[in-house]
Amino acid sequence: MCEIGLIRVALVVLAGTLALTQVAPAAEIEERFVEFQGHRIHTLMAGPEDGRSVLLLHGAKFHSGTWKKLGTLDVLATASFRAVALDIPGFGKSPRWQPDRAKFLAELLPALEIGRPVIVSPSMSGALVFPLILEYPELVAGFAPVAPVGTPKHAPRLKKSPIPTLVFWGEEDEVFPVSQAKTLAASFTKSKVVILPGAAHPAYLDQPERFHQALVEFISGLAD
């Protein structure tokens, strides 16, 4: 075979190898603004609309785009969940205004049209989620806090809440002591603690693969 023929064969083999090893395409992520109490709440949504819903909140230095960049929206959508990341008012693309923290999520959930979600609540967003799970536990299918604000204040008030809970904490968290993880988990009848090794306060950023794996397993194990 001539040299040109050999080159063509090599290219065909290489193309076939690349096709076999090609990574599956990322999930389609939809940007949507939700009208709520005269304001617009910015969201990113991915995954089948009939999948179990997962509401992704964020900490003070982050926004909905953090979950896109980290790959969380894609991971959840690939697992057939309906993932919704929102910008809390005053963050990301949501305009700044002062909602009633005690009722914000309880009143927002119907507008999002996602039913009873599993709520992922890092740091600052705990100030919004604790009032919800304390006063309206029937609206929540599962709780996945990541070193949330307000644990010492709210944990004693939960009184063995029945909401299935997976508590994440960074082993090297210098904002809230890792001992709070067990305190929070003990406030629920069905809970588990995942300490992410070597991770700081936003633990999911330091250990995304372990975080995603544990989160998907937790959500998959919830009763319908």
N, C-alpha and C. Protein backbone atom coordinates (compact mmCIF):
# COMPACT_ATOMS: atom_id res chain seq x y z
N MET A 1 0.85 -1.20 0.00
CA MET A 1 0.00 0.00 0.00
C MET A 1 0.89 1.24 0.00
N CYS A 2 0.50 2.25 -0.79
CA CYS A 2 1.31 3.47 -0.85
C CYS A 2 1.20 4.25 0.43
N GLU A 3 2.09 5.21 0.57
CA GLU A 3 2.14 6.02 1.79
C GLU A 3 0.83 6.77 2.03
N ILE A 4 0.23 7.31 0.94
CA ILE A 4 -1.02 8.05 1.09
C ILE A 4 -2.13 7.13 1.59
N GLY A 5 -2.14 5.89 1.07
CA GLY A 5 -3.15 4.93 1.51
C GLY A 5 -3.02 4.61 2.98
N LEU A 6 -1.77 4.43 3.44
CA LEU A 6 -1.53 4.15 4.85
C LEU A 6 -2.01 5.29 5.74
N ILE A 7 -1.78 6.51 5.27
CA ILE A 7 -2.21 7.68 6.05
C ILE A 7 -3.73 7.71 6.17
N ARG A 8 -4.41 7.37 5.05
CA ARG A 8 -5.88 7.37 5.08
C ARG A 8 -6.42 6.33 6.04
N VAL A 9 -5.80 5.13 6.02
CA VAL A 9 -6.22 4.07 6.94
C VAL A 9 -6.03 4.52 8.39
N ALA A 10 -4.88 5.14 8.66
CA ALA A 10 -4.59 5.60 10.02
C ALA A 10 -5.62 6.62 10.48
N LEU A 11 -6.01 7.50 9.58
CA LEU A 11 -7.00 8.53 9.94
C LEU A 11 -8.36 7.92 10.23
N VAL A 12 -8.72 6.90 9.44
CA VAL A 12 -9.99 6.22 9.67
C VAL A 12 -10.00 5.53 11.03
N VAL A 13 -8.90 4.84 11.37
CA VAL A 13 -8.80 4.16 12.67
C VAL A 13 -8.86 5.17 13.81
N LEU A 14 -8.15 6.29 13.64
CA LEU A 14 -8.14 7.32 14.68
C LEU A 14 -9.52 7.89 14.87
N ALA A 15 -10.25 8.13 13.78
CA ALA A 15 -11.60 8.68 13.88
C ALA A 15 -12.52 7.71 14.62
N GLY A 16 -12.36 6.42 14.34
CA GLY A 16 -13.18 5.42 15.02
C GLY A 16 -12.89 5.37 16.50
N THR A 17 -11.61 5.47 16.85
CA THR A 17 -11.22 5.45 18.27
C THR A 17 -11.80 6.65 19.00
N LEU A 18 -11.72 7.83 18.40
CA LEU A 18 -12.27 9.03 19.02
C LEU A 18 -13.77 8.92 19.20
N ALA A 19 -14.46 8.31 18.23
CA ALA A 19 -15.91 8.15 18.33
C ALA A 19 -16.28 7.26 19.50
N LEU A 20 -15.47 6.21 19.72
CA LEU A 20 -15.75 5.29 20.81
C LEU A 20 -15.53 5.93 22.17
N THR A 21 -14.58 6.87 22.25
CA THR A 21 -14.23 7.46 23.53
C THR A 21 -14.88 8.82 23.76
N GLN A 22 -15.73 9.24 22.81
CA GLN A 22 -16.35 10.56 22.93
C GLN A 22 -17.24 10.63 24.16
N VAL A 23 -17.13 11.72 24.91
CA VAL A 23 -17.95 11.91 26.11
C VAL A 23 -19.37 12.29 25.71
N ALA A 24 -20.36 11.78 26.42
CA ALA A 24 -21.74 12.10 26.13
C ALA A 24 -21.97 13.61 26.22
N PRO A 25 -22.82 14.16 25.36
CA PRO A 25 -23.05 15.60 25.37
C PRO A 25 -23.66 16.06 26.68
N ALA A 26 -23.34 17.29 27.08
CA ALA A 26 -23.87 17.85 28.32
C ALA A 26 -25.37 18.07 28.19
N ALA A 27 -26.06 18.05 29.31
CA ALA A 27 -27.50 18.27 29.30
C ALA A 27 -27.81 19.69 28.87
N GLU A 28 -28.96 19.85 28.24
CA GLU A 28 -29.39 21.19 27.84
C GLU A 28 -29.83 21.96 29.08
N ILE A 29 -29.31 23.15 29.25
CA ILE A 29 -29.63 23.99 30.41
C ILE A 29 -30.45 25.19 29.94
N GLU A 30 -31.61 25.35 30.51
CA GLU A 30 -32.52 26.42 30.13
C GLU A 30 -32.45 27.56 31.13
N GLU A 31 -32.31 28.77 30.63
CA GLU A 31 -32.33 29.95 31.48
C GLU A 31 -33.75 30.50 31.50
N ARG A 32 -34.27 30.72 32.69
CA ARG A 32 -35.65 31.19 32.79
C ARG A 32 -35.80 32.18 33.94
N PHE A 33 -36.61 33.22 33.70
CA PHE A 33 -36.97 34.16 34.77
C PHE A 33 -38.39 33.83 35.23
N VAL A 34 -38.56 33.68 36.54
CA VAL A 34 -39.87 33.36 37.12
C VAL A 34 -40.44 34.61 37.77
N GLU A 35 -41.64 34.97 37.39
CA GLU A 35 -42.31 36.14 37.97
C GLU A 35 -42.81 35.75 39.37
N PHE A 36 -42.44 36.57 40.35
CA PHE A 36 -42.80 36.24 41.74
C PHE A 36 -42.95 37.52 42.55
N GLN A 37 -44.16 37.75 43.04
CA GLN A 37 -44.46 38.91 43.89
C GLN A 37 -43.96 40.22 43.28
N GLY A 38 -44.16 40.38 42.00
CA GLY A 38 -43.76 41.61 41.32
C GLY A 38 -42.29 41.70 40.99
N HIS A 39 -41.57 40.62 41.17
CA HIS A 39 -40.14 40.59 40.89
C HIS A 39 -39.82 39.42 39.97
N ARG A 40 -38.60 39.41 39.45
CA ARG A 40 -38.17 38.33 38.57
C ARG A 40 -37.05 37.53 39.27
N ILE A 41 -37.26 36.23 39.36
CA ILE A 41 -36.26 35.34 39.95
C ILE A 41 -35.57 34.59 38.81
N HIS A 42 -34.26 34.73 38.73
CA HIS A 42 -33.50 34.07 37.67
C HIS A 42 -33.21 32.62 38.04
N THR A 43 -33.44 31.72 37.09
CA THR A 43 -33.18 30.30 37.33
C THR A 43 -32.48 29.66 36.14
N LEU A 44 -31.80 28.56 36.42
CA LEU A 44 -31.26 27.68 35.40
C LEU A 44 -31.89 26.31 35.64
N MET A 45 -32.43 25.70 34.58
CA MET A 45 -33.15 24.44 34.73
C MET A 45 -32.58 23.41 33.76
N ALA A 46 -32.52 22.17 34.20
CA ALA A 46 -32.03 21.08 33.36
C ALA A 46 -32.68 19.77 33.78
N GLY A 47 -32.76 18.84 32.86
CA GLY A 47 -33.32 17.54 33.18
C GLY A 47 -34.78 17.43 32.82
N PRO A 48 -35.32 16.21 32.80
CA PRO A 48 -36.71 15.97 32.42
C PRO A 48 -37.69 16.62 33.40
N GLU A 49 -38.74 17.21 32.86
CA GLU A 49 -39.70 17.92 33.71
C GLU A 49 -40.45 16.97 34.65
N ASP A 50 -40.53 15.69 34.28
CA ASP A 50 -41.23 14.74 35.13
C ASP A 50 -40.28 14.02 36.10
N GLY A 51 -39.02 14.43 36.14
CA GLY A 51 -38.06 13.82 37.06
C GLY A 51 -38.20 14.39 38.46
N ARG A 52 -37.65 13.69 39.44
CA ARG A 52 -37.67 14.23 40.80
C ARG A 52 -36.94 15.56 40.82
N SER A 53 -37.56 16.56 41.43
CA SER A 53 -37.00 17.90 41.39
C SER A 53 -35.97 18.13 42.49
N VAL A 54 -34.93 18.87 42.12
CA VAL A 54 -33.86 19.23 43.05
C VAL A 54 -33.65 20.74 42.94
N LEU A 55 -33.82 21.44 44.05
CA LEU A 55 -33.65 22.88 44.07
C LEU A 55 -32.26 23.21 44.62
N LEU A 56 -31.46 23.88 43.82
CA LEU A 56 -30.09 24.22 44.19
C LEU A 56 -30.00 25.69 44.58
N LEU A 57 -29.70 25.94 45.85
CA LEU A 57 -29.50 27.30 46.34
C LEU A 57 -28.00 27.59 46.35
N HIS A 58 -27.59 28.68 46.96
CA HIS A 58 -26.16 29.03 46.91
C HIS A 58 -25.74 29.84 48.13
N GLY A 59 -24.43 29.98 48.29
CA GLY A 59 -23.87 30.76 49.39
C GLY A 59 -23.67 32.21 49.00
N ALA A 60 -23.10 32.99 49.91
CA ALA A 60 -23.01 34.45 49.74
C ALA A 60 -22.08 34.87 48.61
N LYS A 61 -21.10 34.06 48.26
CA LYS A 61 -20.15 34.43 47.21
C LYS A 61 -20.48 33.80 45.86
N PHE A 62 -21.65 33.16 45.77
CA PHE A 62 -21.95 32.38 44.58
C PHE A 62 -23.33 32.72 44.01
N HIS A 63 -23.74 31.96 43.00
CA HIS A 63 -25.02 32.19 42.33
C HIS A 63 -25.38 30.93 41.55
N SER A 64 -26.47 30.98 40.82
CA SER A 64 -26.92 29.78 40.10
C SER A 64 -25.88 29.25 39.12
N GLY A 65 -25.12 30.16 38.51
CA GLY A 65 -24.11 29.75 37.54
C GLY A 65 -23.01 28.88 38.13
N THR A 66 -22.85 28.94 39.45
CA THR A 66 -21.85 28.10 40.12
C THR A 66 -22.16 26.63 39.87
N TRP A 67 -23.44 26.28 39.93
CA TRP A 67 -23.84 24.87 39.74
C TRP A 67 -23.68 24.43 38.30
N LYS A 68 -23.79 25.38 37.38
CA LYS A 68 -23.54 25.06 35.97
C LYS A 68 -22.06 24.82 35.73
N LYS A 69 -21.25 25.72 36.25
CA LYS A 69 -19.80 25.63 36.06
C LYS A 69 -19.24 24.37 36.72
N LEU A 70 -19.77 24.02 37.89
CA LEU A 70 -19.29 22.85 38.61
C LEU A 70 -19.73 21.54 37.95
N GLY A 71 -20.76 21.62 37.12
CA GLY A 71 -21.27 20.43 36.46
C GLY A 71 -22.43 19.77 37.19
N THR A 72 -22.89 20.37 38.28
CA THR A 72 -23.95 19.77 39.08
C THR A 72 -25.26 19.67 38.31
N LEU A 73 -25.61 20.71 37.57
CA LEU A 73 -26.83 20.67 36.77
C LEU A 73 -26.78 19.52 35.78
N ASP A 74 -25.64 19.34 35.15
CA ASP A 74 -25.48 18.27 34.18
C ASP A 74 -25.55 16.89 34.84
N VAL A 75 -24.88 16.75 35.98
CA VAL A 75 -24.88 15.47 36.70
C VAL A 75 -26.30 15.07 37.10
N LEU A 76 -27.04 16.01 37.64
CA LEU A 76 -28.40 15.72 38.09
C LEU A 76 -29.32 15.42 36.92
N ALA A 77 -29.18 16.20 35.85
CA ALA A 77 -30.02 15.98 34.67
C ALA A 77 -29.73 14.62 34.05
N THR A 78 -28.46 14.25 34.00
CA THR A 78 -28.06 12.95 33.45
C THR A 78 -28.63 11.80 34.27
N ALA A 79 -28.84 12.05 35.57
CA ALA A 79 -29.42 11.03 36.45
C ALA A 79 -30.95 11.07 36.41
N SER A 80 -31.50 11.84 35.46
CA SER A 80 -32.96 11.94 35.23
C SER A 80 -33.69 12.73 36.30
N PHE A 81 -32.98 13.62 36.98
CA PHE A 81 -33.63 14.52 37.93
C PHE A 81 -33.92 15.85 37.25
N ARG A 82 -34.88 16.58 37.77
CA ARG A 82 -35.19 17.92 37.30
C ARG A 82 -34.46 18.91 38.21
N ALA A 83 -33.36 19.45 37.75
CA ALA A 83 -32.52 20.33 38.56
C ALA A 83 -32.85 21.79 38.28
N VAL A 84 -33.06 22.54 39.34
CA VAL A 84 -33.37 23.97 39.23
C VAL A 84 -32.45 24.75 40.16
N ALA A 85 -31.59 25.57 39.57
CA ALA A 85 -30.71 26.43 40.36
C ALA A 85 -31.26 27.85 40.27
N LEU A 86 -31.40 28.52 41.40
CA LEU A 86 -31.94 29.88 41.36
C LEU A 86 -30.98 30.87 41.99
N ASP A 87 -31.13 32.12 41.56
CA ASP A 87 -30.40 33.22 42.16
C ASP A 87 -31.26 33.84 43.24
N ILE A 88 -30.80 33.78 44.47
CA ILE A 88 -31.50 34.43 45.57
C ILE A 88 -31.55 35.93 45.28
N PRO A 89 -32.64 36.63 45.62
CA PRO A 89 -32.74 38.06 45.35
C PRO A 89 -31.48 38.83 45.77
N GLY A 90 -30.94 39.60 44.82
CA GLY A 90 -29.73 40.38 45.09
C GLY A 90 -28.46 39.68 44.66
N PHE A 91 -28.58 38.47 44.11
CA PHE A 91 -27.42 37.70 43.66
C PHE A 91 -27.63 37.29 42.20
N GLY A 92 -26.49 37.11 41.49
CA GLY A 92 -26.59 36.69 40.11
C GLY A 92 -27.42 37.65 39.29
N LYS A 93 -28.42 37.11 38.61
CA LYS A 93 -29.26 37.93 37.74
C LYS A 93 -30.62 38.26 38.36
N SER A 94 -30.82 37.90 39.63
CA SER A 94 -32.06 38.28 40.31
C SER A 94 -31.90 39.67 40.93
N PRO A 95 -32.83 40.59 40.67
CA PRO A 95 -32.71 41.94 41.23
C PRO A 95 -32.76 41.93 42.75
N ARG A 96 -32.18 42.95 43.33
CA ARG A 96 -32.12 43.05 44.79
C ARG A 96 -33.45 43.54 45.35
N TRP A 97 -34.00 42.79 46.28
CA TRP A 97 -35.17 43.21 47.06
C TRP A 97 -35.21 42.36 48.32
N GLN A 98 -36.02 42.73 49.27
CA GLN A 98 -36.03 42.06 50.56
C GLN A 98 -37.28 41.22 50.74
N PRO A 99 -37.20 39.93 50.41
CA PRO A 99 -38.36 39.05 50.64
C PRO A 99 -38.50 38.72 52.12
N ASP A 100 -39.66 38.22 52.47
CA ASP A 100 -39.89 37.72 53.82
C ASP A 100 -39.18 36.37 53.93
N ARG A 101 -38.06 36.33 54.65
CA ARG A 101 -37.27 35.10 54.71
C ARG A 101 -38.06 33.91 55.24
N ALA A 102 -38.96 34.18 56.18
CA ALA A 102 -39.71 33.09 56.81
C ALA A 102 -40.66 32.41 55.83
N LYS A 103 -41.09 33.12 54.79
CA LYS A 103 -42.07 32.57 53.87
C LYS A 103 -41.58 32.49 52.42
N PHE A 104 -40.37 32.97 52.18
CA PHE A 104 -39.89 33.11 50.81
C PHE A 104 -39.99 31.82 50.01
N LEU A 105 -39.37 30.75 50.48
CA LEU A 105 -39.36 29.50 49.72
C LEU A 105 -40.73 28.84 49.69
N ALA A 106 -41.46 28.90 50.78
CA ALA A 106 -42.79 28.29 50.81
C ALA A 106 -43.70 28.91 49.76
N GLU A 107 -43.57 30.21 49.55
CA GLU A 107 -44.41 30.90 48.57
C GLU A 107 -43.83 30.82 47.17
N LEU A 108 -42.50 30.65 47.05
CA LEU A 108 -41.86 30.58 45.74
C LEU A 108 -42.03 29.22 45.06
N LEU A 109 -42.05 28.15 45.82
CA LEU A 109 -42.09 26.81 45.24
C LEU A 109 -43.23 26.61 44.24
N PRO A 110 -44.47 27.06 44.54
CA PRO A 110 -45.53 26.90 43.53
C PRO A 110 -45.22 27.63 42.23
N ALA A 111 -44.58 28.79 42.33
CA ALA A 111 -44.24 29.56 41.13
C ALA A 111 -43.19 28.84 40.29
N LEU A 112 -42.33 28.06 40.93
CA LEU A 112 -41.30 27.30 40.20
C LEU A 112 -41.88 26.07 39.51
N GLU A 113 -43.04 25.62 39.98
CA GLU A 113 -43.73 24.46 39.40
C GLU A 113 -42.85 23.22 39.41
N ILE A 114 -42.27 22.93 40.56
CA ILE A 114 -41.39 21.75 40.67
C ILE A 114 -41.85 20.79 41.77
N GLY A 115 -43.04 21.01 42.31
CA GLY A 115 -43.55 20.09 43.32
C GLY A 115 -42.75 20.12 44.61
N ARG A 116 -42.58 18.94 45.23
CA ARG A 116 -41.82 18.81 46.47
C ARG A 116 -40.36 18.50 46.13
N PRO A 117 -39.48 19.47 46.24
CA PRO A 117 -38.09 19.23 45.82
C PRO A 117 -37.21 18.69 46.93
N VAL A 118 -36.10 18.14 46.53
CA VAL A 118 -34.96 17.95 47.42
C VAL A 118 -34.21 19.28 47.37
N ILE A 119 -33.87 19.83 48.52
CA ILE A 119 -33.25 21.16 48.54
C ILE A 119 -31.78 21.05 48.95
N VAL A 120 -30.91 21.54 48.08
CA VAL A 120 -29.48 21.61 48.37
C VAL A 120 -29.20 23.03 48.87
N SER A 121 -28.73 23.12 50.12
CA SER A 121 -28.66 24.43 50.78
C SER A 121 -27.28 24.70 51.38
N PRO A 122 -26.40 25.36 50.62
CA PRO A 122 -25.10 25.73 51.17
C PRO A 122 -25.16 27.01 52.00
N SER A 123 -24.41 27.03 53.06
CA SER A 123 -24.07 28.23 53.83
C SER A 123 -25.22 29.22 54.00
N MET A 124 -25.11 30.41 53.41
CA MET A 124 -26.06 31.50 53.58
C MET A 124 -27.51 31.08 53.35
N SER A 125 -27.75 30.19 52.40
CA SER A 125 -29.12 29.83 52.06
C SER A 125 -29.84 29.10 53.19
N GLY A 126 -29.08 28.65 54.20
CA GLY A 126 -29.73 28.04 55.36
C GLY A 126 -30.73 28.97 56.03
N ALA A 127 -30.49 30.28 55.93
CA ALA A 127 -31.40 31.26 56.52
C ALA A 127 -32.77 31.23 55.86
N LEU A 128 -32.84 30.74 54.63
CA LEU A 128 -34.11 30.62 53.92
C LEU A 128 -34.72 29.23 54.08
N VAL A 129 -33.88 28.22 54.19
CA VAL A 129 -34.38 26.84 54.21
C VAL A 129 -34.85 26.41 55.60
N PHE A 130 -34.15 26.80 56.64
CA PHE A 130 -34.58 26.38 57.98
C PHE A 130 -36.02 26.80 58.29
N PRO A 131 -36.44 28.02 57.98
CA PRO A 131 -37.85 28.36 58.21
C PRO A 131 -38.81 27.47 57.43
N LEU A 132 -38.40 27.07 56.23
CA LEU A 132 -39.26 26.21 55.42
C LEU A 132 -39.42 24.84 56.04
N ILE A 133 -38.30 24.21 56.42
CA ILE A 133 -38.41 22.84 56.93
C ILE A 133 -38.99 22.81 58.35
N LEU A 134 -38.92 23.93 59.05
CA LEU A 134 -39.52 24.00 60.38
C LEU A 134 -41.03 24.18 60.31
N GLU A 135 -41.49 25.05 59.41
CA GLU A 135 -42.91 25.40 59.35
C GLU A 135 -43.68 24.65 58.27
N TYR A 136 -42.98 24.24 57.21
CA TYR A 136 -43.67 23.60 56.09
C TYR A 136 -42.93 22.34 55.64
N PRO A 137 -42.69 21.39 56.54
CA PRO A 137 -41.92 20.19 56.17
C PRO A 137 -42.57 19.37 55.06
N GLU A 138 -43.88 19.49 54.93
CA GLU A 138 -44.59 18.72 53.90
C GLU A 138 -44.24 19.18 52.48
N LEU A 139 -43.59 20.33 52.36
CA LEU A 139 -43.24 20.84 51.04
C LEU A 139 -41.87 20.36 50.57
N VAL A 140 -41.17 19.60 51.41
CA VAL A 140 -39.79 19.22 51.11
C VAL A 140 -39.65 17.70 51.07
N ALA A 141 -39.08 17.18 49.98
CA ALA A 141 -38.88 15.73 49.84
C ALA A 141 -37.57 15.27 50.45
N GLY A 142 -36.60 16.16 50.54
CA GLY A 142 -35.29 15.82 51.09
C GLY A 142 -34.48 17.08 51.30
N PHE A 143 -33.49 16.99 52.17
CA PHE A 143 -32.69 18.15 52.56
C PHE A 143 -31.22 17.78 52.48
N ALA A 144 -30.45 18.56 51.72
CA ALA A 144 -29.01 18.32 51.59
C ALA A 144 -28.25 19.61 51.91
N PRO A 145 -28.10 19.92 53.19
CA PRO A 145 -27.39 21.14 53.58
C PRO A 145 -25.88 20.98 53.47
N VAL A 146 -25.22 22.08 53.14
CA VAL A 146 -23.75 22.09 53.10
C VAL A 146 -23.29 23.19 54.05
N ALA A 147 -22.95 22.81 55.28
CA ALA A 147 -22.52 23.77 56.30
C ALA A 147 -23.42 25.01 56.32
N PRO A 148 -24.72 24.82 56.58
CA PRO A 148 -25.66 25.94 56.47
C PRO A 148 -25.59 26.92 57.64
N VAL A 149 -25.88 28.17 57.33
CA VAL A 149 -26.01 29.19 58.37
C VAL A 149 -27.16 28.84 59.30
N GLY A 150 -26.98 29.05 60.58
CA GLY A 150 -28.08 28.90 61.53
C GLY A 150 -28.22 27.56 62.19
N THR A 151 -27.25 26.67 62.03
CA THR A 151 -27.36 25.34 62.63
C THR A 151 -27.53 25.38 64.15
N PRO A 152 -26.69 26.09 64.91
CA PRO A 152 -26.86 26.11 66.37
C PRO A 152 -28.22 26.64 66.81
N LYS A 153 -28.75 27.59 66.06
CA LYS A 153 -30.04 28.20 66.41
C LYS A 153 -31.21 27.30 66.09
N HIS A 154 -31.18 26.69 64.91
CA HIS A 154 -32.36 25.97 64.43
C HIS A 154 -32.36 24.48 64.73
N ALA A 155 -31.19 23.86 64.86
CA ALA A 155 -31.14 22.41 65.09
C ALA A 155 -31.98 21.96 66.27
N PRO A 156 -31.91 22.63 67.43
CA PRO A 156 -32.73 22.18 68.56
C PRO A 156 -34.23 22.29 68.32
N ARG A 157 -34.62 23.15 67.41
CA ARG A 157 -36.04 23.36 67.14
C ARG A 157 -36.62 22.31 66.19
N LEU A 158 -35.76 21.58 65.50
CA LEU A 158 -36.24 20.61 64.53
C LEU A 158 -36.90 19.40 65.19
N LYS A 159 -36.43 19.04 66.37
CA LYS A 159 -37.06 17.99 67.17
C LYS A 159 -37.32 16.71 66.38
N LYS A 160 -36.25 16.16 65.82
CA LYS A 160 -36.33 14.91 65.07
C LYS A 160 -37.27 15.03 63.86
N SER A 161 -36.98 15.97 63.03
CA SER A 161 -37.76 16.17 61.80
C SER A 161 -37.72 14.90 60.95
N PRO A 162 -38.84 14.57 60.30
CA PRO A 162 -38.89 13.35 59.47
C PRO A 162 -38.30 13.53 58.07
N ILE A 163 -37.86 14.72 57.72
CA ILE A 163 -37.33 14.96 56.37
C ILE A 163 -36.02 14.20 56.18
N PRO A 164 -35.91 13.35 55.18
CA PRO A 164 -34.64 12.66 54.91
C PRO A 164 -33.54 13.69 54.63
N THR A 165 -32.39 13.50 55.28
CA THR A 165 -31.36 14.55 55.23
C THR A 165 -29.96 13.96 55.03
N LEU A 166 -29.20 14.62 54.15
CA LEU A 166 -27.80 14.28 53.94
C LEU A 166 -26.98 15.54 54.22
N VAL A 167 -26.24 15.53 55.31
CA VAL A 167 -25.47 16.70 55.73
C VAL A 167 -24.05 16.63 55.17
N PHE A 168 -23.66 17.67 54.42
CA PHE A 168 -22.29 17.77 53.90
C PHE A 168 -21.52 18.81 54.72
N TRP A 169 -20.23 18.51 54.93
CA TRP A 169 -19.37 19.48 55.61
C TRP A 169 -17.93 19.30 55.11
N GLY A 170 -17.22 20.38 55.01
CA GLY A 170 -15.82 20.30 54.64
C GLY A 170 -14.95 20.01 55.85
N GLU A 171 -14.05 19.09 55.70
CA GLU A 171 -13.17 18.72 56.82
C GLU A 171 -12.36 19.91 57.32
N GLU A 172 -12.02 20.83 56.41
CA GLU A 172 -11.20 21.98 56.76
C GLU A 172 -12.01 23.28 56.80
N ASP A 173 -13.29 23.17 57.09
CA ASP A 173 -14.15 24.35 57.16
C ASP A 173 -13.68 25.27 58.29
N GLU A 174 -13.34 26.50 57.96
CA GLU A 174 -12.89 27.47 58.95
C GLU A 174 -13.96 28.51 59.26
N VAL A 175 -15.13 28.35 58.66
CA VAL A 175 -16.24 29.28 58.92
C VAL A 175 -17.15 28.73 60.01
N PHE A 176 -17.59 27.49 59.83
CA PHE A 176 -18.41 26.81 60.84
C PHE A 176 -17.73 25.49 61.21
N PRO A 177 -17.54 25.22 62.49
CA PRO A 177 -16.82 24.00 62.90
C PRO A 177 -17.52 22.74 62.42
N VAL A 178 -16.70 21.77 62.02
CA VAL A 178 -17.23 20.53 61.47
C VAL A 178 -18.08 19.77 62.49
N SER A 179 -17.92 20.05 63.77
CA SER A 179 -18.72 19.40 64.81
C SER A 179 -20.21 19.71 64.65
N GLN A 180 -20.53 20.81 63.98
CA GLN A 180 -21.94 21.16 63.77
C GLN A 180 -22.65 20.17 62.85
N ALA A 181 -21.89 19.44 62.06
CA ALA A 181 -22.49 18.48 61.13
C ALA A 181 -23.28 17.41 61.89
N LYS A 182 -22.67 16.84 62.93
CA LYS A 182 -23.35 15.82 63.71
C LYS A 182 -24.51 16.41 64.50
N THR A 183 -24.35 17.64 64.97
CA THR A 183 -25.43 18.31 65.69
C THR A 183 -26.65 18.45 64.80
N LEU A 184 -26.42 18.86 63.57
CA LEU A 184 -27.53 19.04 62.63
C LEU A 184 -28.16 17.70 62.26
N ALA A 185 -27.34 16.71 61.96
CA ALA A 185 -27.86 15.40 61.56
C ALA A 185 -28.70 14.77 62.66
N ALA A 186 -28.32 15.00 63.91
CA ALA A 186 -29.05 14.42 65.04
C ALA A 186 -30.45 15.00 65.19
N SER A 187 -30.73 16.09 64.48
CA SER A 187 -32.05 16.73 64.58
C SER A 187 -33.07 16.11 63.63
N PHE A 188 -32.64 15.11 62.87
CA PHE A 188 -33.54 14.44 61.92
C PHE A 188 -33.61 12.95 62.25
N THR A 189 -34.75 12.35 61.98
CA THR A 189 -34.91 10.93 62.28
C THR A 189 -34.17 10.05 61.28
N LYS A 190 -33.98 10.56 60.06
CA LYS A 190 -33.28 9.80 59.03
C LYS A 190 -32.24 10.70 58.39
N SER A 191 -30.99 10.50 58.78
CA SER A 191 -29.95 11.41 58.29
C SER A 191 -28.61 10.69 58.17
N LYS A 192 -27.73 11.32 57.40
CA LYS A 192 -26.38 10.82 57.21
C LYS A 192 -25.45 12.02 57.07
N VAL A 193 -24.21 11.87 57.53
CA VAL A 193 -23.22 12.93 57.44
C VAL A 193 -22.12 12.51 56.47
N VAL A 194 -21.77 13.41 55.57
CA VAL A 194 -20.65 13.19 54.66
C VAL A 194 -19.63 14.31 54.89
N ILE A 195 -18.48 13.95 55.44
CA ILE A 195 -17.40 14.91 55.64
C ILE A 195 -16.46 14.80 54.44
N LEU A 196 -16.33 15.88 53.70
CA LEU A 196 -15.49 15.86 52.50
C LEU A 196 -14.05 16.19 52.88
N PRO A 197 -13.14 15.24 52.71
CA PRO A 197 -11.76 15.39 53.18
C PRO A 197 -11.02 16.54 52.49
N GLY A 198 -10.31 17.31 53.31
CA GLY A 198 -9.50 18.40 52.79
C GLY A 198 -10.28 19.57 52.24
N ALA A 199 -11.61 19.56 52.37
CA ALA A 199 -12.45 20.59 51.76
C ALA A 199 -12.69 21.75 52.72
N ALA A 200 -12.79 22.94 52.16
CA ALA A 200 -13.06 24.15 52.93
C ALA A 200 -14.57 24.35 53.08
N HIS A 201 -14.98 25.58 53.41
CA HIS A 201 -16.40 25.85 53.67
C HIS A 201 -17.30 25.51 52.48
N PRO A 202 -17.02 26.01 51.27
CA PRO A 202 -17.81 25.57 50.11
C PRO A 202 -17.28 24.21 49.65
N ALA A 203 -17.56 23.18 50.43
CA ALA A 203 -16.90 21.88 50.28
C ALA A 203 -17.10 21.26 48.91
N TYR A 204 -18.23 21.52 48.28
CA TYR A 204 -18.52 20.93 46.98
C TYR A 204 -17.53 21.40 45.90
N LEU A 205 -16.94 22.59 46.09
CA LEU A 205 -15.97 23.08 45.12
C LEU A 205 -14.66 22.30 45.19
N ASP A 206 -14.30 21.86 46.38
CA ASP A 206 -13.04 21.14 46.57
C ASP A 206 -13.16 19.64 46.26
N GLN A 207 -14.36 19.11 46.45
CA GLN A 207 -14.56 17.67 46.22
C GLN A 207 -15.82 17.44 45.39
N PRO A 208 -15.87 17.97 44.16
CA PRO A 208 -17.10 17.87 43.37
C PRO A 208 -17.52 16.44 43.05
N GLU A 209 -16.56 15.55 42.74
CA GLU A 209 -16.93 14.20 42.37
C GLU A 209 -17.56 13.46 43.55
N ARG A 210 -16.95 13.56 44.73
CA ARG A 210 -17.51 12.90 45.91
C ARG A 210 -18.85 13.52 46.28
N PHE A 211 -18.94 14.83 46.15
CA PHE A 211 -20.19 15.53 46.45
C PHE A 211 -21.30 15.05 45.51
N HIS A 212 -21.02 15.03 44.23
CA HIS A 212 -22.03 14.62 43.26
C HIS A 212 -22.45 13.17 43.47
N GLN A 213 -21.48 12.30 43.70
CA GLN A 213 -21.81 10.89 43.88
C GLN A 213 -22.72 10.69 45.09
N ALA A 214 -22.37 11.31 46.21
CA ALA A 214 -23.18 11.15 47.43
C ALA A 214 -24.56 11.77 47.24
N LEU A 215 -24.63 12.90 46.56
CA LEU A 215 -25.92 13.57 46.35
C LEU A 215 -26.83 12.74 45.47
N VAL A 216 -26.31 12.22 44.37
CA VAL A 216 -27.12 11.40 43.47
C VAL A 216 -27.60 10.14 44.17
N GLU A 217 -26.74 9.48 44.95
CA GLU A 217 -27.13 8.28 45.68
C GLU A 217 -28.22 8.60 46.69
N PHE A 218 -28.10 9.73 47.37
CA PHE A 218 -29.09 10.14 48.36
C PHE A 218 -30.46 10.35 47.70
N ILE A 219 -30.48 11.11 46.62
CA ILE A 219 -31.74 11.42 45.95
C ILE A 219 -32.35 10.16 45.35
N SER A 220 -31.52 9.31 44.77
CA SER A 220 -32.02 8.07 44.17
C SER A 220 -32.65 7.15 45.20
N GLY A 221 -32.20 7.24 46.44
CA GLY A 221 -32.70 6.35 47.48
C GLY A 221 -33.95 6.83 48.18
N LEU A 222 -34.43 8.01 47.82
CA LEU A 222 -35.63 8.54 48.46
C LEU A 222 -36.88 7.84 47.96
N ALA A 223 -37.84 7.68 48.85
CA ALA A 223 -39.11 7.07 48.44
C ALA A 223 -39.87 8.04 47.55
N ASP A 224 -40.69 7.49 46.67
CA ASP A 224 -41.50 8.32 45.77
C ASP A 224 -42.61 9.04 46.55
